[in-house]
Amino acid sequence: MTRKEIIRQFIRFFKRNLLDVIQKDAGPAYIEKVLDEYELQLEGIAQLSDPTAPEHLKEAFTELLYNDLENKTRFEGGKLIIEIGDDDALGYTDPPDAKDPDLLKTFVYILEGIYGEYAWISDEYWLARLGKLPEEKGGRVGEGYLLTREDFFAEGHDEYLSWEEAKWGFSGQGAKDIFDDASKAFDWQPYLVKALDRTIKEFKARGR
């Protein structure tokens, strides 16, 4: 076997081992960092009556991350691609409309920041106030809708709810960089070393 062939084989072994280490060790550890930031930055902010409150979406969000790790981590030529947190699934390329049942798509608004102040008006509120739902209302998958501060007062909701009660928690908040912050707190280097060490041992065991 020529020197070039040995090098090519070593690189092939290393790529296989690195992909395995990323998917089984590094990726899950990184996802835990993302979920730590999720809990720290997103939970306890929106009203729990809002079906898109992060507390309700954490399970689906976590499943998305692990699916991405398993199905979208790959080599393209000599470059390792790690896609954890797909832009399409989180609404970046295809934002939801008011009644879209794919609630994970609403994350684009939270992660990128919400400018302006909004009230969360639930359908439960409308039923208690009027005994029925206004025909033009009922967005957010039919459980309520967001209303600007201006419209909240113009429509007289302050006679029934204080602004403090109704204000949606993510109003006026900046971007939530949970992926960037998790990346800053995570060191991939030990996992690269692990894959390299495994490859060297495997190569020596084969008498290369």
C-alpha atoms as a PDB file:
ATOM      1  CA  MET A   1       0.000   0.000   0.000  1.00  0.00           C
ATOM      2  CA  THR A   2       1.418   3.367  -0.991  1.00  0.00           C
ATOM      3  CA  ARG A   3       1.769   6.329   1.363  1.00  0.00           C
ATOM      4  CA  LYS A   4      -1.110   8.132  -0.349  1.00  0.00           C
ATOM      5  CA  GLU A   5      -3.353   5.086   0.023  1.00  0.00           C
ATOM      6  CA  ILE A   6      -2.472   4.822   3.729  1.00  0.00           C
ATOM      7  CA  ILE A   7      -3.303   8.504   4.245  1.00  0.00           C
ATOM      8  CA  ARG A   8      -6.608   8.151   2.384  1.00  0.00           C
ATOM      9  CA  GLN A   9      -7.544   5.144   4.488  1.00  0.00           C
ATOM     10  CA  PHE A  10      -6.626   6.927   7.713  1.00  0.00           C
ATOM     11  CA  ILE A  11      -8.784   9.895   6.707  1.00  0.00           C
ATOM     12  CA  ARG A  12     -11.679   7.558   5.879  1.00  0.00           C
ATOM     13  CA  PHE A  13     -11.407   5.886   9.293  1.00  0.00           C
ATOM     14  CA  PHE A  14     -11.159   9.257  11.027  1.00  0.00           C
ATOM     15  CA  LYS A  15     -14.233  10.653   9.296  1.00  0.00           C
ATOM     16  CA  ARG A  16     -16.231   7.560  10.251  1.00  0.00           C
ATOM     17  CA  ASN A  17     -15.083   7.769  13.871  1.00  0.00           C
ATOM     18  CA  LEU A  18     -15.627  11.507  14.092  1.00  0.00           C
ATOM     19  CA  LEU A  19     -19.185  11.205  12.794  1.00  0.00           C
ATOM     20  CA  ASP A  20     -19.867   8.463  15.353  1.00  0.00           C
ATOM     21  CA  VAL A  21     -18.419  10.512  18.232  1.00  0.00           C
ATOM     22  CA  ILE A  22     -20.377  13.608  17.197  1.00  0.00           C
ATOM     23  CA  GLN A  23     -23.674  11.747  16.938  1.00  0.00           C
ATOM     24  CA  LYS A  24     -23.300   9.645  20.100  1.00  0.00           C
ATOM     25  CA  ASP A  25     -21.269  11.850  22.458  1.00  0.00           C
ATOM     26  CA  ALA A  26     -20.636  15.440  21.419  1.00  0.00           C
ATOM     27  CA  GLY A  27     -24.029  16.133  19.871  1.00  0.00           C
ATOM     28  CA  PRO A  28     -26.108  15.048  22.880  1.00  0.00           C
ATOM     29  CA  ALA A  29     -23.802  17.005  25.207  1.00  0.00           C
ATOM     30  CA  TYR A  30     -24.204  20.104  23.018  1.00  0.00           C
ATOM     31  CA  ILE A  31     -27.981  19.669  22.920  1.00  0.00           C
ATOM     32  CA  GLU A  32     -28.024  19.656  26.716  1.00  0.00           C
ATOM     33  CA  LYS A  33     -26.265  23.038  26.627  1.00  0.00           C
ATOM     34  CA  VAL A  34     -28.908  24.348  24.206  1.00  0.00           C
ATOM     35  CA  LEU A  35     -31.672  23.109  26.510  1.00  0.00           C
ATOM     36  CA  ASP A  36     -29.970  24.777  29.481  1.00  0.00           C
ATOM     37  CA  GLU A  37     -30.098  28.071  27.575  1.00  0.00           C
ATOM     38  CA  TYR A  38     -33.688  27.335  26.546  1.00  0.00           C
ATOM     39  CA  GLU A  39     -34.707  26.977  30.171  1.00  0.00           C
ATOM     40  CA  LEU A  40     -32.705  30.025  31.231  1.00  0.00           C
ATOM     41  CA  GLN A  41     -33.722  32.397  28.451  1.00  0.00           C
ATOM     42  CA  LEU A  42     -37.178  31.281  27.298  1.00  0.00           C
ATOM     43  CA  GLU A  43     -39.129  29.693  30.124  1.00  0.00           C
ATOM     44  CA  GLY A  44     -41.215  31.675  32.601  1.00  0.00           C
ATOM     45  CA  ILE A  45     -41.793  34.599  30.222  1.00  0.00           C
ATOM     46  CA  ALA A  46     -44.951  33.978  28.165  1.00  0.00           C
ATOM     47  CA  GLN A  47     -48.337  33.249  29.690  1.00  0.00           C
ATOM     48  CA  LEU A  48     -48.915  29.520  29.948  1.00  0.00           C
ATOM     49  CA  SER A  49     -52.362  30.021  28.414  1.00  0.00           C
ATOM     50  CA  ASP A  50     -50.522  30.781  25.154  1.00  0.00           C
ATOM     51  CA  PRO A  51     -50.091  27.458  23.294  1.00  0.00           C
ATOM     52  CA  THR A  52     -46.799  28.755  21.867  1.00  0.00           C
ATOM     53  CA  ALA A  53     -45.253  29.411  25.289  1.00  0.00           C
ATOM     54  CA  PRO A  54     -41.823  27.698  25.289  1.00  0.00           C
ATOM     55  CA  GLU A  55     -42.798  25.454  28.202  1.00  0.00           C
ATOM     56  CA  HIS A  56     -45.346  23.724  25.955  1.00  0.00           C
ATOM     57  CA  LEU A  57     -42.930  23.267  23.060  1.00  0.00           C
ATOM     58  CA  LYS A  58     -39.854  21.987  24.867  1.00  0.00           C
ATOM     59  CA  GLU A  59     -40.531  18.314  24.183  1.00  0.00           C
ATOM     60  CA  ALA A  60     -41.095  18.877  20.455  1.00  0.00           C
ATOM     61  CA  PHE A  61     -38.079  21.207  20.317  1.00  0.00           C
ATOM     62  CA  THR A  62     -35.859  18.594  21.985  1.00  0.00           C
ATOM     63  CA  GLU A  63     -37.079  15.908  19.585  1.00  0.00           C
ATOM     64  CA  LEU A  64     -36.267  18.195  16.651  1.00  0.00           C
ATOM     65  CA  LEU A  65     -32.693  18.706  17.881  1.00  0.00           C
ATOM     66  CA  TYR A  66     -32.051  14.977  18.254  1.00  0.00           C
ATOM     67  CA  ASN A  67     -33.625  14.233  14.864  1.00  0.00           C
ATOM     68  CA  ASP A  68     -31.372  16.843  13.273  1.00  0.00           C
ATOM     69  CA  LEU A  69     -28.340  15.358  14.991  1.00  0.00           C
ATOM     70  CA  GLU A  70     -29.156  11.879  13.703  1.00  0.00           C
ATOM     71  CA  ASN A  71     -30.310  12.754  10.193  1.00  0.00           C
ATOM     72  CA  LYS A  72     -28.531  15.963   9.200  1.00  0.00           C
ATOM     73  CA  THR A  73     -25.033  15.534  10.604  1.00  0.00           C
ATOM     74  CA  ARG A  74     -22.882  14.527   7.657  1.00  0.00           C
ATOM     75  CA  PHE A  75     -19.724  15.029   5.672  1.00  0.00           C
ATOM     76  CA  GLU A  76     -19.858  16.988   2.448  1.00  0.00           C
ATOM     77  CA  GLY A  77     -16.518  16.226   0.894  1.00  0.00           C
ATOM     78  CA  GLY A  78     -13.993  16.912   3.615  1.00  0.00           C
ATOM     79  CA  LYS A  79     -16.284  19.235   5.602  1.00  0.00           C
ATOM     80  CA  LEU A  80     -18.314  18.066   8.577  1.00  0.00           C
ATOM     81  CA  ILE A  81     -21.808  19.610   8.583  1.00  0.00           C
ATOM     82  CA  ILE A  82     -23.673  19.738  11.902  1.00  0.00           C
ATOM     83  CA  GLU A  83     -27.229  21.090  11.583  1.00  0.00           C
ATOM     84  CA  ILE A  84     -28.893  21.147  14.977  1.00  0.00           C
ATOM     85  CA  GLY A  85     -31.909  23.454  14.974  1.00  0.00           C
ATOM     86  CA  ASP A  86     -33.262  23.434  11.430  1.00  0.00           C
ATOM     87  CA  ASP A  87     -34.220  26.881  10.101  1.00  0.00           C
ATOM     88  CA  ASP A  88     -37.227  25.519   8.205  1.00  0.00           C
ATOM     89  CA  ALA A  89     -38.679  23.763  11.252  1.00  0.00           C
ATOM     90  CA  LEU A  90     -38.220  26.858  13.428  1.00  0.00           C
ATOM     91  CA  GLY A  91     -40.037  29.152  10.994  1.00  0.00           C
ATOM     92  CA  TYR A  92     -37.143  31.124   9.507  1.00  0.00           C
ATOM     93  CA  THR A  93     -37.835  30.261   5.891  1.00  0.00           C
ATOM     94  CA  ASP A  94     -41.557  29.521   6.198  1.00  0.00           C
ATOM     95  CA  PRO A  95     -43.167  31.517   9.044  1.00  0.00           C
ATOM     96  CA  PRO A  96     -46.530  30.234  10.288  1.00  0.00           C
ATOM     97  CA  ASP A  97     -49.831  31.933   9.747  1.00  0.00           C
ATOM     98  CA  ALA A  98     -52.185  32.558  12.659  1.00  0.00           C
ATOM     99  CA  LYS A  99     -53.733  29.089  12.601  1.00  0.00           C
ATOM    100  CA  ASP A 100     -50.742  26.986  11.590  1.00  0.00           C
ATOM    101  CA  PRO A 101     -50.713  23.901  13.849  1.00  0.00           C
ATOM    102  CA  ASP A 102     -46.925  23.568  13.520  1.00  0.00           C
ATOM    103  CA  LEU A 103     -46.165  25.569  16.644  1.00  0.00           C
ATOM    104  CA  LEU A 104     -42.395  25.127  16.466  1.00  0.00           C
ATOM    105  CA  LYS A 105     -42.419  27.555  13.554  1.00  0.00           C
ATOM    106  CA  THR A 106     -43.382  30.348  15.956  1.00  0.00           C
ATOM    107  CA  PHE A 107     -39.888  30.118  17.443  1.00  0.00           C
ATOM    108  CA  VAL A 108     -38.545  32.455  14.771  1.00  0.00           C
ATOM    109  CA  TYR A 109     -40.354  35.361  16.457  1.00  0.00           C
ATOM    110  CA  ILE A 110     -39.075  34.549  19.933  1.00  0.00           C
ATOM    111  CA  LEU A 111     -35.507  33.744  18.892  1.00  0.00           C
ATOM    112  CA  GLU A 112     -35.163  36.851  16.721  1.00  0.00           C
ATOM    113  CA  GLY A 113     -36.906  39.168  19.177  1.00  0.00           C
ATOM    114  CA  ILE A 114     -40.320  40.843  19.300  1.00  0.00           C
ATOM    115  CA  TYR A 115     -40.457  44.599  18.816  1.00  0.00           C
ATOM    116  CA  GLY A 116     -43.426  46.480  20.213  1.00  0.00           C
ATOM    117  CA  GLU A 117     -45.804  45.554  23.001  1.00  0.00           C
ATOM    118  CA  TYR A 118     -48.552  42.986  22.701  1.00  0.00           C
ATOM    119  CA  ALA A 119     -51.345  41.564  24.804  1.00  0.00           C
ATOM    120  CA  TRP A 120     -52.193  37.872  24.847  1.00  0.00           C
ATOM    121  CA  ILE A 121     -55.976  37.603  24.552  1.00  0.00           C
ATOM    122  CA  SER A 122     -57.174  34.055  25.064  1.00  0.00           C
ATOM    123  CA  ASP A 123     -60.360  32.560  23.702  1.00  0.00           C
ATOM    124  CA  GLU A 124     -61.250  31.775  27.303  1.00  0.00           C
ATOM    125  CA  TYR A 125     -61.304  35.514  27.989  1.00  0.00           C
ATOM    126  CA  TRP A 126     -63.649  36.136  25.056  1.00  0.00           C
ATOM    127  CA  LEU A 127     -66.017  33.399  26.119  1.00  0.00           C
ATOM    128  CA  ALA A 128     -66.139  34.764  29.674  1.00  0.00           C
ATOM    129  CA  ARG A 129     -66.704  38.300  28.426  1.00  0.00           C
ATOM    130  CA  LEU A 130     -69.103  37.758  25.532  1.00  0.00           C
ATOM    131  CA  GLY A 131     -70.171  34.126  25.713  1.00  0.00           C
ATOM    132  CA  LYS A 132     -68.841  33.619  22.186  1.00  0.00           C
ATOM    133  CA  LEU A 133     -65.808  34.287  20.029  1.00  0.00           C
ATOM    134  CA  PRO A 134     -65.699  37.303  17.713  1.00  0.00           C
ATOM    135  CA  GLU A 135     -65.728  36.112  14.124  1.00  0.00           C
ATOM    136  CA  GLU A 136     -62.481  37.847  13.208  1.00  0.00           C
ATOM    137  CA  LYS A 137     -60.566  36.529  16.199  1.00  0.00           C
ATOM    138  CA  GLY A 138     -59.249  33.141  17.295  1.00  0.00           C
ATOM    139  CA  GLY A 139     -55.743  32.970  15.826  1.00  0.00           C
ATOM    140  CA  ARG A 140     -52.817  31.133  17.463  1.00  0.00           C
ATOM    141  CA  VAL A 141     -54.331  27.743  16.586  1.00  0.00           C
ATOM    142  CA  GLY A 142     -57.723  28.761  17.869  1.00  0.00           C
ATOM    143  CA  GLU A 143     -56.723  29.399  21.499  1.00  0.00           C
ATOM    144  CA  GLY A 144     -56.255  33.139  21.389  1.00  0.00           C
ATOM    145  CA  TYR A 145     -54.298  35.846  19.643  1.00  0.00           C
ATOM    146  CA  LEU A 146     -51.756  38.622  20.095  1.00  0.00           C
ATOM    147  CA  LEU A 147     -53.061  42.181  20.080  1.00  0.00           C
ATOM    148  CA  THR A 148     -51.000  45.358  19.892  1.00  0.00           C
ATOM    149  CA  ARG A 149     -51.000  47.626  22.932  1.00  0.00           C
ATOM    150  CA  GLU A 150     -52.731  50.311  20.881  1.00  0.00           C
ATOM    151  CA  ASP A 151     -55.575  47.983  19.871  1.00  0.00           C
ATOM    152  CA  PHE A 152     -55.826  46.582  23.398  1.00  0.00           C
ATOM    153  CA  PHE A 153     -56.831  49.999  24.728  1.00  0.00           C
ATOM    154  CA  ALA A 154     -58.747  51.071  21.621  1.00  0.00           C
ATOM    155  CA  GLU A 155     -60.988  47.999  21.904  1.00  0.00           C
ATOM    156  CA  GLY A 156     -61.617  48.623  25.594  1.00  0.00           C
ATOM    157  CA  HIS A 157     -60.042  45.458  26.961  1.00  0.00           C
ATOM    158  CA  ASP A 158     -58.578  47.472  29.825  1.00  0.00           C
ATOM    159  CA  GLU A 159     -62.089  47.577  31.330  1.00  0.00           C
ATOM    160  CA  TYR A 160     -61.818  43.836  31.914  1.00  0.00           C
ATOM    161  CA  LEU A 161     -58.070  43.154  32.093  1.00  0.00           C
ATOM    162  CA  SER A 162     -55.222  45.290  33.323  1.00  0.00           C
ATOM    163  CA  TRP A 163     -52.384  45.807  30.884  1.00  0.00           C
ATOM    164  CA  GLU A 164     -50.052  44.093  33.361  1.00  0.00           C
ATOM    165  CA  GLU A 165     -52.251  40.983  33.284  1.00  0.00           C
ATOM    166  CA  ALA A 166     -52.612  40.906  29.533  1.00  0.00           C
ATOM    167  CA  LYS A 167     -49.116  41.918  28.366  1.00  0.00           C
ATOM    168  CA  TRP A 168     -47.445  39.100  26.465  1.00  0.00           C
ATOM    169  CA  GLY A 169     -44.159  38.233  28.145  1.00  0.00           C
ATOM    170  CA  PHE A 170     -41.976  38.372  25.044  1.00  0.00           C
ATOM    171  CA  SER A 171     -43.135  41.886  24.138  1.00  0.00           C
ATOM    172  CA  GLY A 172     -40.237  44.159  23.380  1.00  0.00           C
ATOM    173  CA  GLN A 173     -37.613  41.539  24.132  1.00  0.00           C
ATOM    174  CA  GLY A 174     -34.467  41.240  22.087  1.00  0.00           C
ATOM    175  CA  ALA A 175     -33.080  38.188  20.356  1.00  0.00           C
ATOM    176  CA  LYS A 176     -32.623  34.994  22.344  1.00  0.00           C
ATOM    177  CA  ASP A 177     -29.349  33.559  21.088  1.00  0.00           C
ATOM    178  CA  ILE A 178     -29.714  30.162  22.712  1.00  0.00           C
ATOM    179  CA  PHE A 179     -27.723  28.362  20.005  1.00  0.00           C
ATOM    180  CA  ASP A 180     -24.877  30.887  19.943  1.00  0.00           C
ATOM    181  CA  ASP A 181     -24.720  31.014  23.732  1.00  0.00           C
ATOM    182  CA  ALA A 182     -24.685  27.221  23.947  1.00  0.00           C
ATOM    183  CA  SER A 183     -21.882  27.091  21.369  1.00  0.00           C
ATOM    184  CA  LYS A 184     -19.808  29.573  23.361  1.00  0.00           C
ATOM    185  CA  ALA A 185     -20.176  27.392  26.463  1.00  0.00           C
ATOM    186  CA  PHE A 186     -19.357  24.145  24.670  1.00  0.00           C
ATOM    187  CA  ASP A 187     -15.925  22.769  23.760  1.00  0.00           C
ATOM    188  CA  TRP A 188     -15.886  20.441  20.750  1.00  0.00           C
ATOM    189  CA  GLN A 189     -12.121  19.881  20.941  1.00  0.00           C
ATOM    190  CA  PRO A 190     -12.117  16.905  23.385  1.00  0.00           C
ATOM    191  CA  TYR A 191     -14.444  15.049  21.035  1.00  0.00           C
ATOM    192  CA  LEU A 192     -12.175  15.640  18.057  1.00  0.00           C
ATOM    193  CA  VAL A 193      -9.278  14.270  20.112  1.00  0.00           C
ATOM    194  CA  LYS A 194     -11.379  11.258  21.091  1.00  0.00           C
ATOM    195  CA  ALA A 195     -12.148  10.477  17.440  1.00  0.00           C
ATOM    196  CA  LEU A 196      -8.494  10.902  16.511  1.00  0.00           C
ATOM    197  CA  ASP A 197      -7.290   8.650  19.348  1.00  0.00           C
ATOM    198  CA  ARG A 198      -9.814   5.993  18.359  1.00  0.00           C
ATOM    199  CA  THR A 199      -8.630   6.162  14.755  1.00  0.00           C
ATOM    200  CA  ILE A 200      -4.969   5.856  15.687  1.00  0.00           C
ATOM    201  CA  LYS A 201      -5.663   2.806  17.872  1.00  0.00           C
ATOM    202  CA  GLU A 202      -7.781   1.222  15.158  1.00  0.00           C
ATOM    203  CA  PHE A 203      -5.126   1.900  12.537  1.00  0.00           C
ATOM    204  CA  LYS A 204      -2.365   0.405  14.701  1.00  0.00           C
ATOM    205  CA  ALA A 205      -4.506  -2.655  15.470  1.00  0.00           C
ATOM    206  CA  ARG A 206      -4.799  -3.301  11.727  1.00  0.00           C
ATOM    207  CA  GLY A 207      -1.031  -3.170  11.413  1.00  0.00           C
ATOM    208  CA  ARG A 208      -0.942   0.021   9.337  1.00  0.00           C
END
